[in-house]
Amino acid sequence: MKAKSWFTHPIGIIVSSVAATLLWGSAVPFVKLSYVELQISKQDVFEQLIFAGYRFALAGLLLYLLLKLASIGKSAGSQQASEFTGKLSVWRLSRLALVQTFLQYLFFYIGLMHSSGIQGAIISGSASFFQMLFAQAMYRNEPFTSAKITGLFLGFVGVFAVGFTQSGLHFQFGFGEICLLLSAAFGAFGNVLARHESGRVSVLELTAKQMLIGGLGLAAIGVVRRGFMPFHFDMKTGVIFIYLAFVSAAAFGLWNMVMKYNKVGKVSMYLFLIPVFGVILSSIILGETIHIWVVLALASVVSGIIIVNRSHATTKAVRESDLEIAQ
C-alpha cells in the first residue's frame, strides 16, 4: 500500500515521472560519450546492438538481484510478500520483452544511424501520442478529451521547439525516420502492455526479466557478426556503461510503477520531457549551446502536463460513471 499511495499521489506521480524521463534523457549524452570512448562507429549497427544488448541485460540482472536481496527477511505471509507471488507465462513475458526492449531499441539504433539527432528527438516525442492511442484501444476508460488533445499539441510544440536549438529544422521522412517512428510506437505499446501485465506479477520483477530477455536478444544479433566482446573497457568506459545500465533499470522500473497505478492518459504527457532533458543534458555534458528555444520548449511541455493533469482531476468522476454504465 505504501507503493500505491506514493505512485498515485500527485507529488509521487510528478517526482517519479520526471525522475524516469530525466534518467532516459541523460542516456543520450552518455551513449554518445561511450561511442567516442569505445570507438564505436555510427555505421556499425552490430556493435551498437551488442552495446545496447549488454546494457539492458546488465540492467535486468541488477534490478533482479536487488529484488532478491530486498525479499530476504520478509515474512512469507506478509501482504508485501504476497504481491510478488504472481506468475507470468513464458509467452507473455517474452512478448513484453520483444516489444518493450528488443523491437523498440532495434528500430531506434537502426533509425538513428540513418537520420539526425534532431529528427530522432522530435520523433521520440510521438511516444506520448501512440501511448494514448493504444490505451484508448485497450481500455474503455481512456478516451481522448479536448484537454488531452490540447496538452498533446503543446507537448509536440515543445518537442519541435527543441529542434530549433540545433541549426534549424530540416525534417525529412525516409527510412531512418520510419524506423524511429516504429521505435516510438513499439515503446509506447510496450508501456501499455507492461501496465496490462502488471496485474499478474510484480512490476519490478516483470521489468527486470523483460529487460534481460530483450537485452540478450539484441546482443545476440551483434555477436553473430562481431563476437562477444569487440570493445576494450577502461575505468571511464566501465563507469559509463554501469551508469547506463542503472539508467535503464531505474527509469523503466519507475515508469512501469507509475503506469501500473495510473491512467495511461494521465501520465503519458511526461514522455515529452525525454527529448527536452536529452538536449539540456547534452548541452551541459557535451558543451552544446543552449538557446532560447529550450526555455520555450520547457514552458510548452510543462503547460501541456498541467492541462492534462488538471483535466484528469476534474473529469475522473464522470469517466468512472460512464464506465459503470458501459459495463
Protein backbone atom coordinates (compact mmCIF):
# COMPACT_ATOMS: atom_id res chain seq x y z
CA MET A 1 0.00 0.00 0.00
CA LYS A 2 2.91 2.33 0.59
CA ALA A 3 3.98 1.97 -3.03
CA LYS A 4 0.44 2.53 -4.29
CA SER A 5 -0.02 5.59 -2.07
CA TRP A 6 3.18 7.16 -3.42
CA PHE A 7 2.60 6.38 -7.10
CA THR A 8 -1.00 7.64 -7.01
CA HIS A 9 -0.26 10.81 -5.03
CA PRO A 10 0.15 13.93 -7.23
CA ILE A 11 3.61 14.61 -5.82
CA GLY A 12 4.62 10.97 -6.21
CA ILE A 13 3.45 10.91 -9.83
CA ILE A 14 5.33 14.10 -10.69
CA VAL A 15 8.57 13.13 -8.90
CA SER A 16 8.62 9.57 -10.27
CA SER A 17 7.67 10.55 -13.83
CA VAL A 18 10.15 13.42 -14.01
CA ALA A 19 12.88 11.22 -12.50
CA ALA A 20 12.24 8.48 -15.08
CA THR A 21 12.25 10.89 -18.02
CA LEU A 22 15.33 12.67 -16.65
CA LEU A 23 17.18 9.35 -16.47
CA TRP A 24 16.12 8.44 -20.01
CA GLY A 25 17.18 11.88 -21.22
CA SER A 26 20.57 11.56 -19.53
CA ALA A 27 21.26 8.39 -21.50
CA VAL A 28 21.60 10.41 -24.74
CA PRO A 29 24.88 12.23 -23.93
CA PHE A 30 26.32 9.22 -22.12
CA VAL A 31 25.64 6.93 -25.07
CA LYS A 32 27.41 9.46 -27.29
CA LEU A 33 30.35 9.53 -24.88
CA SER A 34 30.53 5.75 -24.82
CA TYR A 35 30.56 5.62 -28.63
CA VAL A 36 33.52 8.00 -28.71
CA GLU A 37 35.44 6.32 -25.90
CA LEU A 38 34.86 2.78 -27.21
CA GLN A 39 35.39 3.87 -30.83
CA ILE A 40 32.03 2.50 -31.97
CA SER A 41 31.34 3.69 -35.49
CA LYS A 42 27.96 5.23 -36.26
CA GLN A 43 27.75 2.92 -39.26
CA ASP A 44 28.44 -0.26 -37.25
CA VAL A 45 24.95 -1.22 -36.16
CA PHE A 46 26.12 -4.63 -34.90
CA GLU A 47 28.49 -3.15 -32.30
CA GLN A 48 25.78 -0.69 -31.29
CA LEU A 49 23.33 -3.55 -30.75
CA ILE A 50 25.91 -5.51 -28.73
CA PHE A 51 26.49 -2.47 -26.52
CA ALA A 52 22.74 -1.86 -26.13
CA GLY A 53 22.04 -5.53 -25.51
CA TYR A 54 24.68 -5.89 -22.81
CA ARG A 55 23.45 -2.66 -21.24
CA PHE A 56 19.84 -3.88 -20.93
CA ALA A 57 20.85 -7.39 -19.91
CA LEU A 58 23.00 -5.97 -17.09
CA ALA A 59 20.18 -3.62 -16.09
CA GLY A 60 17.79 -6.56 -15.84
CA LEU A 61 20.28 -8.54 -13.75
CA LEU A 62 20.92 -5.61 -11.39
CA LEU A 63 17.23 -5.00 -10.84
CA TYR A 64 16.52 -8.69 -10.34
CA LEU A 65 19.36 -9.07 -7.82
CA LEU A 66 18.14 -6.03 -5.89
CA LEU A 67 14.65 -7.55 -5.73
CA LYS A 68 16.04 -10.82 -4.42
CA LEU A 69 18.13 -9.05 -1.77
CA ALA A 70 15.15 -6.92 -0.73
CA SER A 71 12.98 -10.02 -0.30
CA ILE A 72 15.38 -11.61 2.22
CA GLY A 73 13.99 -11.49 5.74
CA LYS A 74 10.41 -10.75 4.70
CA SER A 75 7.66 -12.89 6.11
CA ALA A 76 6.16 -15.31 3.59
CA GLY A 77 2.69 -14.42 4.80
CA SER A 78 3.04 -10.65 4.74
CA GLN A 79 0.97 -8.51 2.41
CA GLN A 80 4.01 -7.18 0.60
CA ALA A 81 5.41 -10.66 0.05
CA SER A 82 2.12 -11.85 -1.43
CA GLU A 83 2.38 -9.12 -4.08
CA PHE A 84 5.38 -10.93 -5.58
CA THR A 85 3.85 -14.41 -5.85
CA GLY A 86 2.12 -13.87 -9.19
CA LYS A 87 3.38 -15.77 -12.22
CA LEU A 88 3.53 -14.83 -15.88
CA SER A 89 3.75 -17.34 -18.70
CA VAL A 90 6.94 -17.54 -20.74
CA TRP A 91 4.96 -16.40 -23.79
CA ARG A 92 3.57 -13.27 -22.13
CA LEU A 93 6.94 -12.35 -20.66
CA SER A 94 8.73 -12.94 -23.97
CA ARG A 95 6.10 -10.88 -25.78
CA LEU A 96 6.72 -7.92 -23.48
CA ALA A 97 10.50 -8.27 -23.85
CA LEU A 98 10.12 -8.44 -27.63
CA VAL A 99 8.09 -5.23 -27.76
CA GLN A 100 9.40 -3.04 -24.93
CA THR A 101 13.12 -3.74 -25.24
CA PHE A 102 14.07 -5.72 -28.36
CA LEU A 103 11.93 -4.12 -31.10
CA GLN A 104 11.93 -0.62 -29.59
CA TYR A 105 15.72 -0.38 -29.43
CA LEU A 106 16.41 -2.41 -32.56
CA PHE A 107 14.50 0.15 -34.64
CA PHE A 108 15.84 3.03 -32.56
CA TYR A 109 19.51 2.28 -33.24
CA ILE A 110 18.92 1.50 -36.92
CA GLY A 111 16.79 4.64 -37.34
CA LEU A 112 19.27 6.86 -35.55
CA MET A 113 22.01 5.61 -37.85
CA HIS A 114 20.06 6.85 -40.89
CA SER A 115 18.80 10.18 -39.53
CA SER A 116 19.89 13.18 -37.48
CA GLY A 117 19.72 13.60 -33.73
CA ILE A 118 17.16 16.41 -34.16
CA GLN A 119 14.80 14.15 -36.07
CA GLY A 120 15.33 11.39 -33.53
CA ALA A 121 14.44 13.73 -30.65
CA ILE A 122 11.34 15.03 -32.40
CA ILE A 123 10.03 11.61 -33.38
CA SER A 124 10.68 10.15 -29.92
CA GLY A 125 8.14 12.63 -28.58
CA SER A 126 5.44 10.85 -30.59
CA ALA A 127 5.55 8.05 -28.00
CA SER A 128 3.00 10.01 -25.94
CA PHE A 129 0.54 10.07 -28.81
CA PHE A 130 0.99 6.36 -29.52
CA GLN A 131 0.65 5.53 -25.82
CA MET A 132 -2.66 7.36 -25.56
CA LEU A 133 -3.85 5.77 -28.81
CA PHE A 134 -3.03 2.24 -27.64
CA ALA A 135 -4.57 2.93 -24.23
CA GLN A 136 -7.79 4.10 -25.87
CA ALA A 137 -7.93 0.85 -27.85
CA MET A 138 -7.21 -1.39 -24.83
CA TYR A 139 -9.07 0.46 -22.07
CA ARG A 140 -12.55 1.93 -22.46
CA ASN A 141 -11.92 4.42 -19.66
CA GLU A 142 -9.02 6.12 -21.51
CA PRO A 143 -10.83 8.40 -24.01
CA PHE A 144 -9.34 11.40 -25.79
CA THR A 145 -10.66 14.68 -24.41
CA SER A 146 -10.23 18.24 -25.62
CA ALA A 147 -7.81 18.86 -22.73
CA LYS A 148 -5.68 15.85 -23.68
CA ILE A 149 -5.60 16.97 -27.30
CA THR A 150 -4.58 20.48 -26.22
CA GLY A 151 -1.91 19.07 -23.92
CA LEU A 152 -0.57 16.82 -26.68
CA PHE A 153 -0.46 19.76 -29.07
CA LEU A 154 1.54 21.85 -26.58
CA GLY A 155 3.83 18.90 -25.94
CA PHE A 156 4.56 18.47 -29.65
CA VAL A 157 5.15 22.22 -29.98
CA GLY A 158 7.69 21.92 -27.17
CA VAL A 159 9.41 18.97 -28.83
CA PHE A 160 9.61 20.82 -32.14
CA ALA A 161 10.94 23.90 -30.35
CA VAL A 162 13.79 21.77 -29.00
CA GLY A 163 14.71 21.05 -32.60
CA PHE A 164 15.29 24.75 -33.24
CA THR A 165 18.23 24.65 -30.83
CA GLN A 166 20.36 22.93 -33.46
CA SER A 167 20.71 24.80 -36.77
CA GLY A 168 17.02 24.83 -37.57
CA LEU A 169 14.57 22.10 -38.53
CA HIS A 170 15.26 20.02 -41.63
CA PHE A 171 12.56 17.39 -41.39
CA GLN A 172 12.73 14.58 -43.91
CA PHE A 173 10.78 11.35 -43.68
CA GLY A 174 12.76 8.47 -45.10
CA PHE A 175 13.86 5.00 -44.00
CA GLY A 176 15.54 6.25 -40.81
CA GLU A 177 12.56 8.33 -39.75
CA ILE A 178 10.18 5.41 -40.35
CA CYS A 179 12.37 3.22 -38.11
CA LEU A 180 12.36 5.88 -35.37
CA LEU A 181 8.58 6.17 -35.64
CA LEU A 182 8.29 2.38 -35.30
CA SER A 183 10.59 2.56 -32.27
CA ALA A 184 8.33 5.15 -30.61
CA ALA A 185 5.26 3.04 -31.43
CA PHE A 186 6.77 -0.16 -30.03
CA GLY A 187 7.98 1.68 -26.93
CA ALA A 188 4.52 3.14 -26.31
CA PHE A 189 2.80 -0.21 -26.88
CA GLY A 190 5.32 -1.86 -24.56
CA ASN A 191 4.49 0.65 -21.81
CA VAL A 192 0.76 -0.06 -22.12
CA LEU A 193 1.40 -3.81 -22.33
CA ALA A 194 3.56 -3.67 -19.19
CA ARG A 195 0.71 -1.91 -17.39
CA HIS A 196 -1.67 -4.66 -18.53
CA GLU A 197 0.64 -7.46 -17.36
CA SER A 198 1.45 -5.77 -14.03
CA GLY A 199 -1.76 -7.15 -12.54
CA ARG A 200 -0.28 -10.66 -12.72
CA VAL A 201 3.25 -10.18 -11.39
CA SER A 202 5.43 -7.68 -9.55
CA VAL A 203 6.14 -4.67 -11.76
CA LEU A 204 9.83 -4.53 -10.90
CA GLU A 205 10.32 -8.26 -11.42
CA LEU A 206 8.48 -8.00 -14.71
CA THR A 207 10.72 -5.11 -15.75
CA ALA A 208 13.90 -6.97 -14.76
CA LYS A 209 13.02 -10.14 -16.64
CA GLN A 210 11.84 -8.46 -19.82
CA MET A 211 14.97 -6.26 -19.99
CA LEU A 212 17.21 -9.30 -19.50
CA ILE A 213 15.47 -11.28 -22.25
CA GLY A 214 15.25 -8.33 -24.65
CA GLY A 215 18.86 -7.31 -23.99
CA LEU A 216 20.18 -10.79 -24.68
CA GLY A 217 18.18 -10.82 -27.91
CA LEU A 218 19.72 -7.54 -29.07
CA ALA A 219 23.22 -8.67 -28.16
CA ALA A 220 22.76 -11.98 -29.98
CA ILE A 221 22.28 -10.20 -33.31
CA GLY A 222 25.56 -8.32 -32.99
CA VAL A 223 27.53 -11.22 -31.50
CA VAL A 224 26.95 -13.28 -34.65
CA ARG A 225 28.85 -10.68 -36.69
CA ARG A 226 31.26 -9.06 -34.19
CA GLY A 227 31.91 -11.63 -31.49
CA PHE A 228 31.15 -11.49 -27.78
CA MET A 229 33.41 -8.58 -26.81
CA PRO A 230 34.53 -6.20 -29.59
CA PHE A 231 35.12 -3.43 -27.02
CA HIS A 232 38.06 -2.55 -24.76
CA PHE A 233 36.77 -1.17 -21.46
CA ASP A 234 38.79 1.02 -19.09
CA MET A 235 37.77 2.73 -15.85
CA LYS A 236 35.95 5.60 -17.60
CA THR A 237 34.03 3.50 -20.11
CA GLY A 238 33.23 0.95 -17.40
CA VAL A 239 31.66 3.62 -15.20
CA ILE A 240 29.66 4.98 -18.14
CA PHE A 241 28.43 1.50 -19.05
CA ILE A 242 27.35 0.74 -15.47
CA TYR A 243 25.58 4.12 -15.25
CA LEU A 244 23.69 3.41 -18.49
CA ALA A 245 22.61 0.03 -17.09
CA PHE A 246 21.44 1.79 -13.91
CA VAL A 247 19.53 4.33 -16.02
CA SER A 248 17.69 1.55 -17.84
CA ALA A 249 16.79 -0.32 -14.65
CA ALA A 250 15.74 2.73 -12.64
CA ALA A 251 13.87 4.54 -15.43
CA PHE A 252 11.90 1.50 -16.63
CA GLY A 253 11.22 0.45 -13.04
CA LEU A 254 9.89 3.86 -12.04
CA TRP A 255 7.87 4.35 -15.21
CA ASN A 256 6.26 0.91 -15.10
CA MET A 257 5.27 1.53 -11.47
CA VAL A 258 3.69 4.85 -12.45
CA MET A 259 1.88 3.13 -15.32
CA LYS A 260 0.62 0.36 -13.03
CA TYR A 261 -1.26 2.67 -10.68
CA ASN A 262 -2.46 5.45 -13.01
CA LYS A 263 -4.48 6.02 -16.13
CA VAL A 264 -2.23 5.98 -19.19
CA GLY A 265 -3.57 9.31 -20.45
CA LYS A 266 -2.79 10.96 -17.14
CA VAL A 267 0.96 10.26 -17.27
CA SER A 268 1.74 9.96 -20.99
CA MET A 269 2.44 13.68 -21.30
CA TYR A 270 5.58 13.28 -19.20
CA LEU A 271 7.23 11.38 -22.05
CA PHE A 272 7.59 14.72 -23.82
CA LEU A 273 10.24 15.61 -21.24
CA ILE A 274 12.65 12.95 -22.54
CA PRO A 275 13.87 14.87 -25.63
CA VAL A 276 13.88 18.13 -23.67
CA PHE A 277 16.09 16.66 -20.94
CA GLY A 278 18.20 14.99 -23.61
CA VAL A 279 19.00 18.32 -25.26
CA ILE A 280 19.65 20.16 -21.98
CA LEU A 281 21.95 17.46 -20.60
CA SER A 282 23.74 17.15 -23.93
CA SER A 283 24.38 20.87 -23.74
CA ILE A 284 25.81 20.55 -20.23
CA ILE A 285 27.81 17.36 -20.66
CA LEU A 286 28.86 17.74 -24.30
CA GLY A 287 29.25 21.52 -24.27
CA GLU A 288 26.47 22.30 -26.73
CA THR A 289 24.93 25.78 -26.66
CA ILE A 290 21.52 26.29 -25.03
CA HIS A 291 19.26 28.65 -26.99
CA ILE A 292 16.06 30.44 -26.06
CA TRP A 293 14.12 27.66 -27.78
CA VAL A 294 14.98 25.31 -24.90
CA VAL A 295 13.27 27.64 -22.43
CA LEU A 296 10.24 27.95 -24.71
CA ALA A 297 10.13 24.18 -25.16
CA LEU A 298 10.15 23.58 -21.41
CA ALA A 299 7.35 26.13 -20.89
CA SER A 300 5.25 24.47 -23.59
CA VAL A 301 5.80 20.95 -22.26
CA VAL A 302 5.09 21.89 -18.64
CA SER A 303 1.91 23.71 -19.73
CA GLY A 304 0.73 20.59 -21.54
CA ILE A 305 1.39 18.44 -18.46
CA ILE A 306 -0.54 20.83 -16.22
CA ILE A 307 -3.53 20.92 -18.59
CA VAL A 308 -3.74 17.14 -18.87
CA ASN A 309 -3.44 16.55 -15.12
CA ARG A 310 -5.91 19.29 -14.12
CA SER A 311 -8.39 17.93 -16.61
CA HIS A 312 -7.95 14.39 -15.22
CA ALA A 313 -8.75 15.55 -11.68
CA THR A 314 -11.97 17.33 -12.68
CA THR A 315 -13.35 14.67 -15.04
CA LYS A 316 -12.39 11.48 -13.18
CA ALA A 317 -15.84 11.00 -11.63
CA VAL A 318 -17.58 11.45 -14.98
CA ARG A 319 -15.38 8.86 -16.72
CA GLU A 320 -15.87 6.32 -13.93
CA SER A 321 -19.65 6.69 -14.06
CA ASP A 322 -19.60 6.26 -17.87
CA LEU A 323 -17.54 3.08 -17.43
CA GLU A 324 -20.07 1.65 -14.97
CA ILE A 325 -22.91 2.31 -17.43
CA ALA A 326 -20.95 0.70 -20.28
CA GLN A 327 -20.40 -2.43 -18.19
